[in-house]
Amino acid sequence: MKHLRYFDALSQHGHFGRAAEACAISQPALSIQMKELEELLGTALIERGPRQISLTPLGTEFALRVRAILQAVEELGDLARASFGPLTGRLRIGVIPTVAPYLLPRIMTDLTARYPALDLRPREAITQRLVEDLIDGRLDAALVALPVSEPGLVEYALFEEEFILVRPQADADKPVPNPETLREMRLLLLEEGHCFREQAISFCKLGSALPRDLMEGSSLTTLVQMVGAGIGVTLIPQMAVAVETRLAPVSVARLPKPRPTRSIGLVWRKTNPLGSQLAQIADVIRRSGTAEDAALP
C-alpha cells in the first residue's frame, strides 16, 4: 500500500519534488520507493526526465487501477468509522472560493464544537477540481453551488442566497438596474472556471456574446476594489457583502425581482459509507450558513 500511495502521488503531480512534498517524505526516499515498485513488478512505470517525469503506457494503466484500489481501501476505513456512531477522524472537505472565506471559519468552529474528535482538512478550489477530487477519492465531501449533475454524487441542498449588486458609492441613489441595463454597463466578473461567473452571466442574459469591455478578476475582493475605483459594477453572493464591502467605497443593493440566487449544497460519493454522517455534517453547515444574514437595503 505504501508503494501504491507514493506512485499515486507521483502520477498526479508528475514531479518527484512535488510528490515527495505531498507525501511528507524526501525526494530521494520517494525515488527509492518507486525503483522498488518497478523491481517488484519487473517493468518500468516511469520515464524520468531532467525536469519532470511521465508515465510509460503501462504506468498510465497502472495509475488508473492504483487510484481505484486506494479509493476502495479508503472506503473500507470509512465503513469501519461509520459503525462507531458520531463521526471521528479525518474529514477532507472541499469548498469553492466564493464560499470559503466567508463561511469556512464559522463551519470549522461549529463542526469542531459539535464533533471534537473530528480532524477537519479543508481545501479551497473551483468546482471542477473539487468534483474530480471527490470522484477520485481525494475528498470526502465538497461545499459547492448546485447542481453539479454528476451521476456518482449525492447532492444535499443546504440554503439559497441572493446575488447582490455592488456599484460605486456615487451611484448609490441611482435606480437599481435590471438585467437588460446591466448588459449595457461595464460588468466585472470572476475569471473563467468559477461557477459564480457562469451564474452571473446567465442572470444578465449575456449568452456567448460577452461585452467587449467586460473585465475579469481572480477573486471577489479584486472585483469589489475595482468597483470602488470606479471601473464598473459587479455581482457578489450575499454572504460576501459584509467582508468585501467593509473597506471599499461602494454601495450595495438588491436587484429587482425575480432576484438571482444560487443554491449551496454538500456533495459526496454515493458509495461513501459515511453518507448518513455526512448528512448530519450538512445540517450543521446549513445552520452555520443561515446564522447571519448581511444587512441590506
C-alpha atoms as a PDB file:
ATOM      1  CA  MET A   1       0.000   0.000   0.000  1.00  0.00           C
ATOM      2  CA  LYS A   2       2.859   2.370   0.735  1.00  0.00           C
ATOM      3  CA  HIS A   3       4.290   1.881  -2.751  1.00  0.00           C
ATOM      4  CA  LEU A   4       0.869   2.411  -4.301  1.00  0.00           C
ATOM      5  CA  ARG A   5       0.212   5.633  -2.376  1.00  0.00           C
ATOM      6  CA  TYR A   6       3.576   7.046  -3.392  1.00  0.00           C
ATOM      7  CA  PHE A   7       3.062   6.063  -7.011  1.00  0.00           C
ATOM      8  CA  ASP A   8      -0.403   7.635  -6.984  1.00  0.00           C
ATOM      9  CA  ALA A   9       1.059  10.924  -5.712  1.00  0.00           C
ATOM     10  CA  LEU A  10       3.766  10.837  -8.374  1.00  0.00           C
ATOM     11  CA  SER A  11       1.260  10.136 -11.154  1.00  0.00           C
ATOM     12  CA  GLN A  12      -0.841  13.106 -10.009  1.00  0.00           C
ATOM     13  CA  HIS A  13       1.974  15.633  -9.624  1.00  0.00           C
ATOM     14  CA  GLY A  14       4.237  14.484 -12.457  1.00  0.00           C
ATOM     15  CA  HIS A  15       7.244  15.640 -10.447  1.00  0.00           C
ATOM     16  CA  PHE A  16       9.318  13.876  -7.780  1.00  0.00           C
ATOM     17  CA  GLY A  17       9.791  17.023  -5.680  1.00  0.00           C
ATOM     18  CA  ARG A  18       6.112  17.963  -5.512  1.00  0.00           C
ATOM     19  CA  ALA A  19       5.022  14.356  -4.979  1.00  0.00           C
ATOM     20  CA  ALA A  20       7.567  13.914  -2.175  1.00  0.00           C
ATOM     21  CA  GLU A  21       6.306  17.087  -0.513  1.00  0.00           C
ATOM     22  CA  ALA A  22       2.717  15.856  -0.748  1.00  0.00           C
ATOM     23  CA  CYS A  23       3.757  12.523   0.824  1.00  0.00           C
ATOM     24  CA  ALA A  24       5.843  14.242   3.532  1.00  0.00           C
ATOM     25  CA  ILE A  25       8.999  12.315   2.610  1.00  0.00           C
ATOM     26  CA  SER A  26      12.279  13.302   0.973  1.00  0.00           C
ATOM     27  CA  GLN A  27      12.700  13.214  -2.792  1.00  0.00           C
ATOM     28  CA  PRO A  28      15.490  10.580  -2.660  1.00  0.00           C
ATOM     29  CA  ALA A  29      13.288   8.376  -0.457  1.00  0.00           C
ATOM     30  CA  LEU A  30      10.435   8.630  -2.945  1.00  0.00           C
ATOM     31  CA  SER A  31      12.776   7.762  -5.811  1.00  0.00           C
ATOM     32  CA  ILE A  32      13.961   4.667  -3.940  1.00  0.00           C
ATOM     33  CA  GLN A  33      10.373   3.583  -3.275  1.00  0.00           C
ATOM     34  CA  MET A  34       9.484   3.910  -6.958  1.00  0.00           C
ATOM     35  CA  LYS A  35      12.516   1.882  -8.015  1.00  0.00           C
ATOM     36  CA  GLU A  36      11.478  -0.816  -5.529  1.00  0.00           C
ATOM     37  CA  LEU A  37       7.970  -0.871  -7.013  1.00  0.00           C
ATOM     38  CA  GLU A  38       9.317  -1.233 -10.540  1.00  0.00           C
ATOM     39  CA  GLU A  39      11.626  -4.045  -9.399  1.00  0.00           C
ATOM     40  CA  LEU A  40       8.699  -5.830  -7.754  1.00  0.00           C
ATOM     41  CA  LEU A  41       6.728  -5.594 -10.997  1.00  0.00           C
ATOM     42  CA  GLY A  42       9.710  -6.330 -13.229  1.00  0.00           C
ATOM     43  CA  THR A  43       8.950  -3.451 -15.573  1.00  0.00           C
ATOM     44  CA  ALA A  44       9.242   0.330 -15.875  1.00  0.00           C
ATOM     45  CA  LEU A  45       6.339   2.554 -14.865  1.00  0.00           C
ATOM     46  CA  ILE A  46       8.068   5.933 -15.034  1.00  0.00           C
ATOM     47  CA  GLU A  47      10.061   7.790 -17.682  1.00  0.00           C
ATOM     48  CA  ARG A  48      12.427  10.081 -15.802  1.00  0.00           C
ATOM     49  CA  GLY A  49      13.240  13.421 -17.463  1.00  0.00           C
ATOM     50  CA  PRO A  50      15.528  16.241 -16.312  1.00  0.00           C
ATOM     51  CA  ARG A  51      12.640  18.469 -15.120  1.00  0.00           C
ATOM     52  CA  GLN A  52       9.619  16.222 -14.787  1.00  0.00           C
ATOM     53  CA  ILE A  53       8.506  12.647 -15.224  1.00  0.00           C
ATOM     54  CA  SER A  54       5.982  10.948 -17.451  1.00  0.00           C
ATOM     55  CA  LEU A  55       4.360   7.554 -17.150  1.00  0.00           C
ATOM     56  CA  THR A  56       5.047   4.684 -19.511  1.00  0.00           C
ATOM     57  CA  PRO A  57       1.977   3.220 -21.285  1.00  0.00           C
ATOM     58  CA  LEU A  58       1.876   0.531 -18.597  1.00  0.00           C
ATOM     59  CA  GLY A  59       2.350   3.180 -15.919  1.00  0.00           C
ATOM     60  CA  THR A  60      -0.702   5.056 -17.198  1.00  0.00           C
ATOM     61  CA  GLU A  61      -2.862   1.940 -16.984  1.00  0.00           C
ATOM     62  CA  PHE A  62      -1.337   1.049 -13.634  1.00  0.00           C
ATOM     63  CA  ALA A  63      -2.178   4.515 -12.249  1.00  0.00           C
ATOM     64  CA  LEU A  64      -5.882   4.093 -13.037  1.00  0.00           C
ATOM     65  CA  ARG A  65      -6.046   0.799 -11.173  1.00  0.00           C
ATOM     66  CA  VAL A  66      -3.990   2.116  -8.264  1.00  0.00           C
ATOM     67  CA  ARG A  67      -6.453   5.003  -7.796  1.00  0.00           C
ATOM     68  CA  ALA A  68      -9.378   2.554  -7.717  1.00  0.00           C
ATOM     69  CA  ILE A  69      -7.574   0.350  -5.186  1.00  0.00           C
ATOM     70  CA  LEU A  70      -6.731   3.271  -2.912  1.00  0.00           C
ATOM     71  CA  GLN A  71     -10.297   4.564  -3.088  1.00  0.00           C
ATOM     72  CA  ALA A  72     -11.634   1.122  -2.152  1.00  0.00           C
ATOM     73  CA  VAL A  73      -9.241   0.991   0.802  1.00  0.00           C
ATOM     74  CA  GLU A  74     -10.375   4.449   1.921  1.00  0.00           C
ATOM     75  CA  GLU A  75     -13.980   3.298   1.805  1.00  0.00           C
ATOM     76  CA  LEU A  76     -13.151   0.237   3.918  1.00  0.00           C
ATOM     77  CA  GLY A  77     -11.826   2.587   6.562  1.00  0.00           C
ATOM     78  CA  ASP A  78     -14.921   4.784   6.220  1.00  0.00           C
ATOM     79  CA  LEU A  79     -17.114   1.703   6.623  1.00  0.00           C
ATOM     80  CA  ALA A  80     -15.469   0.998   9.963  1.00  0.00           C
ATOM     81  CA  ARG A  81     -15.761   4.661  11.018  1.00  0.00           C
ATOM     82  CA  ALA A  82     -19.464   4.654  10.144  1.00  0.00           C
ATOM     83  CA  SER A  83     -20.066   1.888  12.687  1.00  0.00           C
ATOM     84  CA  PHE A  84     -18.646   3.924  15.571  1.00  0.00           C
ATOM     85  CA  GLY A  85     -21.529   6.396  15.790  1.00  0.00           C
ATOM     86  CA  PRO A  86     -20.562  10.112  15.782  1.00  0.00           C
ATOM     87  CA  LEU A  87     -18.064  10.944  13.066  1.00  0.00           C
ATOM     88  CA  THR A  88     -14.420  10.902  14.155  1.00  0.00           C
ATOM     89  CA  GLY A  89     -11.025  11.105  12.463  1.00  0.00           C
ATOM     90  CA  ARG A  90     -10.093  12.850   9.234  1.00  0.00           C
ATOM     91  CA  LEU A  91     -12.696  14.629   7.127  1.00  0.00           C
ATOM     92  CA  ARG A  92     -11.430  16.099   3.851  1.00  0.00           C
ATOM     93  CA  ILE A  93     -13.885  18.750   2.745  1.00  0.00           C
ATOM     94  CA  GLY A  94     -13.581  20.948  -0.320  1.00  0.00           C
ATOM     95  CA  VAL A  95     -15.054  24.459  -0.551  1.00  0.00           C
ATOM     96  CA  ILE A  96     -15.434  26.740  -3.577  1.00  0.00           C
ATOM     97  CA  PRO A  97     -13.618  30.133  -3.450  1.00  0.00           C
ATOM     98  CA  THR A  98     -16.852  32.173  -3.364  1.00  0.00           C
ATOM     99  CA  VAL A  99     -17.853  30.414  -0.133  1.00  0.00           C
ATOM    100  CA  ALA A 100     -14.610  29.557   1.686  1.00  0.00           C
ATOM    101  CA  PRO A 101     -13.504  32.995   3.009  1.00  0.00           C
ATOM    102  CA  TYR A 102     -16.967  33.886   4.291  1.00  0.00           C
ATOM    103  CA  LEU A 103     -18.386  30.637   5.659  1.00  0.00           C
ATOM    104  CA  LEU A 104     -15.487  28.256   6.284  1.00  0.00           C
ATOM    105  CA  PRO A 105     -14.276  29.830   9.592  1.00  0.00           C
ATOM    106  CA  ARG A 106     -17.784  29.532  11.055  1.00  0.00           C
ATOM    107  CA  ILE A 107     -18.160  25.981   9.725  1.00  0.00           C
ATOM    108  CA  MET A 108     -14.850  24.943  11.282  1.00  0.00           C
ATOM    109  CA  THR A 109     -15.862  26.421  14.632  1.00  0.00           C
ATOM    110  CA  ASP A 110     -19.329  24.846  14.638  1.00  0.00           C
ATOM    111  CA  LEU A 111     -18.172  21.402  13.464  1.00  0.00           C
ATOM    112  CA  THR A 112     -15.315  21.313  15.971  1.00  0.00           C
ATOM    113  CA  ALA A 113     -17.717  22.179  18.781  1.00  0.00           C
ATOM    114  CA  ARG A 114     -20.184  19.501  17.658  1.00  0.00           C
ATOM    115  CA  TYR A 115     -17.596  16.822  16.781  1.00  0.00           C
ATOM    116  CA  PRO A 116     -14.464  17.379  18.918  1.00  0.00           C
ATOM    117  CA  ALA A 117     -12.847  14.148  17.639  1.00  0.00           C
ATOM    118  CA  LEU A 118     -13.162  15.268  14.013  1.00  0.00           C
ATOM    119  CA  ASP A 119      -9.938  16.173  12.173  1.00  0.00           C
ATOM    120  CA  LEU A 120     -11.101  18.687   9.553  1.00  0.00           C
ATOM    121  CA  ARG A 121      -8.966  19.049   6.416  1.00  0.00           C
ATOM    122  CA  PRO A 122     -10.455  21.871   4.270  1.00  0.00           C
ATOM    123  CA  ARG A 123      -9.335  22.544   0.704  1.00  0.00           C
ATOM    124  CA  GLU A 124     -10.327  25.515  -1.459  1.00  0.00           C
ATOM    125  CA  ALA A 125     -10.670  25.019  -5.222  1.00  0.00           C
ATOM    126  CA  ILE A 126     -13.050  25.673  -8.114  1.00  0.00           C
ATOM    127  CA  THR A 127     -15.981  23.298  -8.584  1.00  0.00           C
ATOM    128  CA  GLN A 128     -14.490  21.263 -11.424  1.00  0.00           C
ATOM    129  CA  ARG A 129     -11.387  20.418  -9.401  1.00  0.00           C
ATOM    130  CA  LEU A 130     -13.414  19.561  -6.292  1.00  0.00           C
ATOM    131  CA  VAL A 131     -15.674  17.225  -8.248  1.00  0.00           C
ATOM    132  CA  GLU A 132     -12.659  15.492  -9.794  1.00  0.00           C
ATOM    133  CA  ASP A 133     -11.078  15.051  -6.346  1.00  0.00           C
ATOM    134  CA  LEU A 134     -14.343  13.678  -4.960  1.00  0.00           C
ATOM    135  CA  ILE A 135     -14.703  11.134  -7.729  1.00  0.00           C
ATOM    136  CA  ASP A 136     -11.052  10.104  -7.350  1.00  0.00           C
ATOM    137  CA  GLY A 137     -11.407   9.721  -3.579  1.00  0.00           C
ATOM    138  CA  ARG A 138      -9.125  12.609  -2.602  1.00  0.00           C
ATOM    139  CA  LEU A 139     -12.010  14.372  -0.841  1.00  0.00           C
ATOM    140  CA  ASP A 140     -14.824  13.094   1.356  1.00  0.00           C
ATOM    141  CA  ALA A 141     -17.285  15.910   0.626  1.00  0.00           C
ATOM    142  CA  ALA A 142     -17.425  19.327  -1.026  1.00  0.00           C
ATOM    143  CA  LEU A 143     -19.391  22.512  -0.439  1.00  0.00           C
ATOM    144  CA  VAL A 144     -20.390  23.824  -3.872  1.00  0.00           C
ATOM    145  CA  ALA A 145     -23.126  25.587  -5.832  1.00  0.00           C
ATOM    146  CA  LEU A 146     -25.751  23.119  -7.044  1.00  0.00           C
ATOM    147  CA  PRO A 147     -26.395  21.364  -9.270  1.00  0.00           C
ATOM    148  CA  VAL A 148     -23.166  19.619 -10.232  1.00  0.00           C
ATOM    149  CA  SER A 149     -25.052  16.910 -12.169  1.00  0.00           C
ATOM    150  CA  GLU A 150     -22.576  14.081 -11.595  1.00  0.00           C
ATOM    151  CA  PRO A 151     -24.374  10.705 -11.501  1.00  0.00           C
ATOM    152  CA  GLY A 152     -21.929   9.273  -8.946  1.00  0.00           C
ATOM    153  CA  LEU A 153     -22.500  12.044  -6.385  1.00  0.00           C
ATOM    154  CA  VAL A 154     -25.177  12.763  -3.791  1.00  0.00           C
ATOM    155  CA  GLU A 155     -26.354  16.403  -3.778  1.00  0.00           C
ATOM    156  CA  TYR A 156     -27.635  17.678  -0.416  1.00  0.00           C
ATOM    157  CA  ALA A 157     -29.127  21.183  -0.720  1.00  0.00           C
ATOM    158  CA  LEU A 158     -28.389  23.488   2.234  1.00  0.00           C
ATOM    159  CA  PHE A 159     -29.587  27.031   1.569  1.00  0.00           C
ATOM    160  CA  GLU A 160     -30.283  29.662  -1.080  1.00  0.00           C
ATOM    161  CA  GLU A 161     -28.633  33.063  -1.223  1.00  0.00           C
ATOM    162  CA  GLU A 162     -29.083  36.132  -3.381  1.00  0.00           C
ATOM    163  CA  PHE A 163     -26.677  37.837  -5.752  1.00  0.00           C
ATOM    164  CA  ILE A 164     -26.074  41.426  -4.641  1.00  0.00           C
ATOM    165  CA  LEU A 165     -25.223  44.354  -6.899  1.00  0.00           C
ATOM    166  CA  VAL A 166     -22.064  46.285  -5.995  1.00  0.00           C
ATOM    167  CA  ARG A 167     -21.539  49.683  -7.638  1.00  0.00           C
ATOM    168  CA  PRO A 168     -19.531  52.851  -6.922  1.00  0.00           C
ATOM    169  CA  GLN A 169     -20.600  54.900  -3.910  1.00  0.00           C
ATOM    170  CA  ALA A 170     -21.523  57.782  -6.233  1.00  0.00           C
ATOM    171  CA  ASP A 171     -24.234  55.590  -7.824  1.00  0.00           C
ATOM    172  CA  ALA A 172     -25.974  54.797  -4.521  1.00  0.00           C
ATOM    173  CA  ASP A 173     -29.031  56.956  -5.274  1.00  0.00           C
ATOM    174  CA  LYS A 174     -29.457  55.833  -8.866  1.00  0.00           C
ATOM    175  CA  PRO A 175     -32.205  53.338  -9.829  1.00  0.00           C
ATOM    176  CA  VAL A 176     -31.166  49.711  -9.477  1.00  0.00           C
ATOM    177  CA  PRO A 177     -30.521  48.359 -12.996  1.00  0.00           C
ATOM    178  CA  ASN A 178     -32.404  45.372 -14.392  1.00  0.00           C
ATOM    179  CA  PRO A 179     -30.628  42.588 -16.337  1.00  0.00           C
ATOM    180  CA  GLU A 180     -31.099  44.418 -19.641  1.00  0.00           C
ATOM    181  CA  THR A 181     -29.495  47.581 -18.245  1.00  0.00           C
ATOM    182  CA  LEU A 182     -26.642  45.592 -16.685  1.00  0.00           C
ATOM    183  CA  ARG A 183     -25.763  44.259 -20.131  1.00  0.00           C
ATOM    184  CA  GLU A 184     -25.006  47.824 -21.210  1.00  0.00           C
ATOM    185  CA  MET A 185     -22.768  48.564 -18.215  1.00  0.00           C
ATOM    186  CA  ARG A 186     -19.132  47.629 -17.643  1.00  0.00           C
ATOM    187  CA  LEU A 187     -19.592  44.387 -15.744  1.00  0.00           C
ATOM    188  CA  LEU A 188     -16.767  42.914 -13.685  1.00  0.00           C
ATOM    189  CA  LEU A 189     -16.799  39.121 -13.385  1.00  0.00           C
ATOM    190  CA  LEU A 190     -14.648  36.355 -11.966  1.00  0.00           C
ATOM    191  CA  GLU A 191     -12.329  34.689 -14.453  1.00  0.00           C
ATOM    192  CA  GLU A 192     -13.311  31.505 -16.251  1.00  0.00           C
ATOM    193  CA  GLY A 193     -13.600  28.364 -14.122  1.00  0.00           C
ATOM    194  CA  HIS A 194     -15.685  29.904 -11.342  1.00  0.00           C
ATOM    195  CA  CYS A 195     -19.293  28.732 -11.266  1.00  0.00           C
ATOM    196  CA  PHE A 196     -20.389  32.112  -9.857  1.00  0.00           C
ATOM    197  CA  ARG A 197     -19.197  33.730 -13.085  1.00  0.00           C
ATOM    198  CA  GLU A 198     -21.464  31.479 -15.159  1.00  0.00           C
ATOM    199  CA  GLN A 199     -24.422  32.187 -12.870  1.00  0.00           C
ATOM    200  CA  ALA A 200     -23.902  35.948 -13.205  1.00  0.00           C
ATOM    201  CA  ILE A 201     -23.630  35.656 -16.990  1.00  0.00           C
ATOM    202  CA  SER A 202     -26.866  33.665 -17.047  1.00  0.00           C
ATOM    203  CA  PHE A 203     -28.723  36.259 -14.972  1.00  0.00           C
ATOM    204  CA  CYS A 204     -27.567  39.096 -17.210  1.00  0.00           C
ATOM    205  CA  LYS A 205     -28.563  37.031 -20.257  1.00  0.00           C
ATOM    206  CA  LEU A 206     -25.178  37.648 -21.855  1.00  0.00           C
ATOM    207  CA  GLY A 207     -25.000  34.243 -23.516  1.00  0.00           C
ATOM    208  CA  SER A 208     -21.864  33.586 -25.544  1.00  0.00           C
ATOM    209  CA  ALA A 209     -21.665  37.178 -26.802  1.00  0.00           C
ATOM    210  CA  LEU A 210     -19.867  38.786 -23.869  1.00  0.00           C
ATOM    211  CA  PRO A 211     -19.384  42.582 -23.944  1.00  0.00           C
ATOM    212  CA  ARG A 212     -16.049  43.738 -25.341  1.00  0.00           C
ATOM    213  CA  ASP A 213     -15.389  45.871 -22.253  1.00  0.00           C
ATOM    214  CA  LEU A 214     -16.071  43.010 -19.834  1.00  0.00           C
ATOM    215  CA  MET A 215     -13.372  42.872 -17.155  1.00  0.00           C
ATOM    216  CA  GLU A 216     -12.331  39.856 -15.111  1.00  0.00           C
ATOM    217  CA  GLY A 217     -10.770  39.324 -11.709  1.00  0.00           C
ATOM    218  CA  SER A 218      -9.348  36.361  -9.837  1.00  0.00           C
ATOM    219  CA  SER A 219     -11.323  36.977  -6.623  1.00  0.00           C
ATOM    220  CA  LEU A 220     -14.364  38.791  -5.298  1.00  0.00           C
ATOM    221  CA  THR A 221     -12.005  41.062  -3.349  1.00  0.00           C
ATOM    222  CA  THR A 222     -10.400  42.215  -6.600  1.00  0.00           C
ATOM    223  CA  LEU A 223     -13.776  42.830  -8.231  1.00  0.00           C
ATOM    224  CA  VAL A 224     -15.106  44.927  -5.344  1.00  0.00           C
ATOM    225  CA  GLN A 225     -11.924  47.009  -5.148  1.00  0.00           C
ATOM    226  CA  MET A 226     -12.159  47.656  -8.895  1.00  0.00           C
ATOM    227  CA  VAL A 227     -15.750  48.813  -8.424  1.00  0.00           C
ATOM    228  CA  GLY A 228     -14.553  51.112  -5.633  1.00  0.00           C
ATOM    229  CA  ALA A 229     -12.088  52.616  -8.112  1.00  0.00           C
ATOM    230  CA  GLY A 230     -14.980  53.469 -10.420  1.00  0.00           C
ATOM    231  CA  ILE A 231     -14.132  50.899 -13.082  1.00  0.00           C
ATOM    232  CA  GLY A 232     -17.554  49.204 -13.270  1.00  0.00           C
ATOM    233  CA  VAL A 233     -20.137  47.198 -11.345  1.00  0.00           C
ATOM    234  CA  THR A 234     -20.227  43.601 -10.179  1.00  0.00           C
ATOM    235  CA  LEU A 235     -22.366  40.939  -8.543  1.00  0.00           C
ATOM    236  CA  ILE A 236     -21.306  39.086  -5.400  1.00  0.00           C
ATOM    237  CA  PRO A 237     -23.017  36.477  -3.209  1.00  0.00           C
ATOM    238  CA  GLN A 238     -24.818  37.842  -0.151  1.00  0.00           C
ATOM    239  CA  MET A 239     -22.510  36.056   2.300  1.00  0.00           C
ATOM    240  CA  ALA A 240     -19.574  38.069   0.909  1.00  0.00           C
ATOM    241  CA  VAL A 241     -21.109  41.519   1.346  1.00  0.00           C
ATOM    242  CA  ALA A 242     -20.051  42.264   4.930  1.00  0.00           C
ATOM    243  CA  VAL A 243     -16.437  41.218   4.344  1.00  0.00           C
ATOM    244  CA  GLU A 244     -15.797  42.572   0.870  1.00  0.00           C
ATOM    245  CA  THR A 245     -17.507  45.972   1.098  1.00  0.00           C
ATOM    246  CA  ARG A 246     -16.230  46.935   4.550  1.00  0.00           C
ATOM    247  CA  LEU A 247     -13.196  48.885   3.311  1.00  0.00           C
ATOM    248  CA  ALA A 248     -14.259  49.771  -0.228  1.00  0.00           C
ATOM    249  CA  PRO A 249     -16.060  52.979  -1.337  1.00  0.00           C
ATOM    250  CA  VAL A 250     -19.006  51.098  -2.841  1.00  0.00           C
ATOM    251  CA  SER A 251     -22.754  50.807  -2.392  1.00  0.00           C
ATOM    252  CA  VAL A 252     -24.790  47.611  -2.440  1.00  0.00           C
ATOM    253  CA  ALA A 253     -28.369  46.936  -3.490  1.00  0.00           C
ATOM    254  CA  ARG A 254     -30.720  44.053  -4.034  1.00  0.00           C
ATOM    255  CA  LEU A 255     -31.626  43.506  -7.658  1.00  0.00           C
ATOM    256  CA  PRO A 256     -35.194  43.708  -8.991  1.00  0.00           C
ATOM    257  CA  LYS A 257     -37.418  40.647  -8.646  1.00  0.00           C
ATOM    258  CA  PRO A 258     -37.123  37.905  -9.665  1.00  0.00           C
ATOM    259  CA  ARG A 259     -33.802  38.212  -7.874  1.00  0.00           C
ATOM    260  CA  PRO A 260     -30.931  35.934  -8.903  1.00  0.00           C
ATOM    261  CA  THR A 261     -29.965  33.301  -6.353  1.00  0.00           C
ATOM    262  CA  ARG A 262     -27.713  30.301  -6.061  1.00  0.00           C
ATOM    263  CA  SER A 263     -28.200  27.063  -4.170  1.00  0.00           C
ATOM    264  CA  ILE A 264     -25.350  25.967  -1.906  1.00  0.00           C
ATOM    265  CA  GLY A 265     -25.087  22.273  -1.057  1.00  0.00           C
ATOM    266  CA  LEU A 266     -22.840  19.496   0.149  1.00  0.00           C
ATOM    267  CA  VAL A 267     -21.945  16.702  -2.259  1.00  0.00           C
ATOM    268  CA  TRP A 268     -20.264  13.331  -1.715  1.00  0.00           C
ATOM    269  CA  ARG A 269     -19.847   9.990  -3.462  1.00  0.00           C
ATOM    270  CA  LYS A 270     -22.872   7.706  -3.460  1.00  0.00           C
ATOM    271  CA  THR A 271     -20.565   4.832  -2.499  1.00  0.00           C
ATOM    272  CA  ASN A 272     -19.217   6.615   0.594  1.00  0.00           C
ATOM    273  CA  PRO A 273     -20.195   4.558   3.675  1.00  0.00           C
ATOM    274  CA  LEU A 274     -20.241   7.780   5.709  1.00  0.00           C
ATOM    275  CA  GLY A 275     -23.321   9.041   3.867  1.00  0.00           C
ATOM    276  CA  SER A 276     -25.588   9.261   6.926  1.00  0.00           C
ATOM    277  CA  GLN A 277     -22.870  11.009   8.966  1.00  0.00           C
ATOM    278  CA  LEU A 278     -22.195  13.442   6.114  1.00  0.00           C
ATOM    279  CA  ALA A 279     -25.897  14.313   6.075  1.00  0.00           C
ATOM    280  CA  GLN A 280     -25.543  15.251   9.759  1.00  0.00           C
ATOM    281  CA  ILE A 281     -22.471  17.324   8.897  1.00  0.00           C
ATOM    282  CA  ALA A 282     -24.542  19.026   6.194  1.00  0.00           C
ATOM    283  CA  ASP A 283     -27.193  20.004   8.736  1.00  0.00           C
ATOM    284  CA  VAL A 284     -24.534  21.680  10.902  1.00  0.00           C
ATOM    285  CA  ILE A 285     -23.235  23.553   7.845  1.00  0.00           C
ATOM    286  CA  ARG A 286     -26.776  24.643   6.971  1.00  0.00           C
ATOM    287  CA  ARG A 287     -27.186  26.233  10.390  1.00  0.00           C
ATOM    288  CA  SER A 288     -23.776  27.894  10.021  1.00  0.00           C
ATOM    289  CA  GLY A 289     -24.734  29.313   6.635  1.00  0.00           C
ATOM    290  CA  THR A 290     -28.051  30.731   7.776  1.00  0.00           C
ATOM    291  CA  ALA A 291     -26.880  32.029  11.174  1.00  0.00           C
ATOM    292  CA  GLU A 292     -26.109  35.510   9.864  1.00  0.00           C
ATOM    293  CA  ASP A 293     -27.565  37.497   7.014  1.00  0.00           C
ATOM    294  CA  ALA A 294     -25.911  40.609   5.675  1.00  0.00           C
ATOM    295  CA  ALA A 295     -27.908  43.758   6.417  1.00  0.00           C
ATOM    296  CA  LEU A 296     -29.026  45.106   3.050  1.00  0.00           C
ATOM    297  CA  PRO A 297     -31.483  47.749   1.912  1.00  0.00           C
END
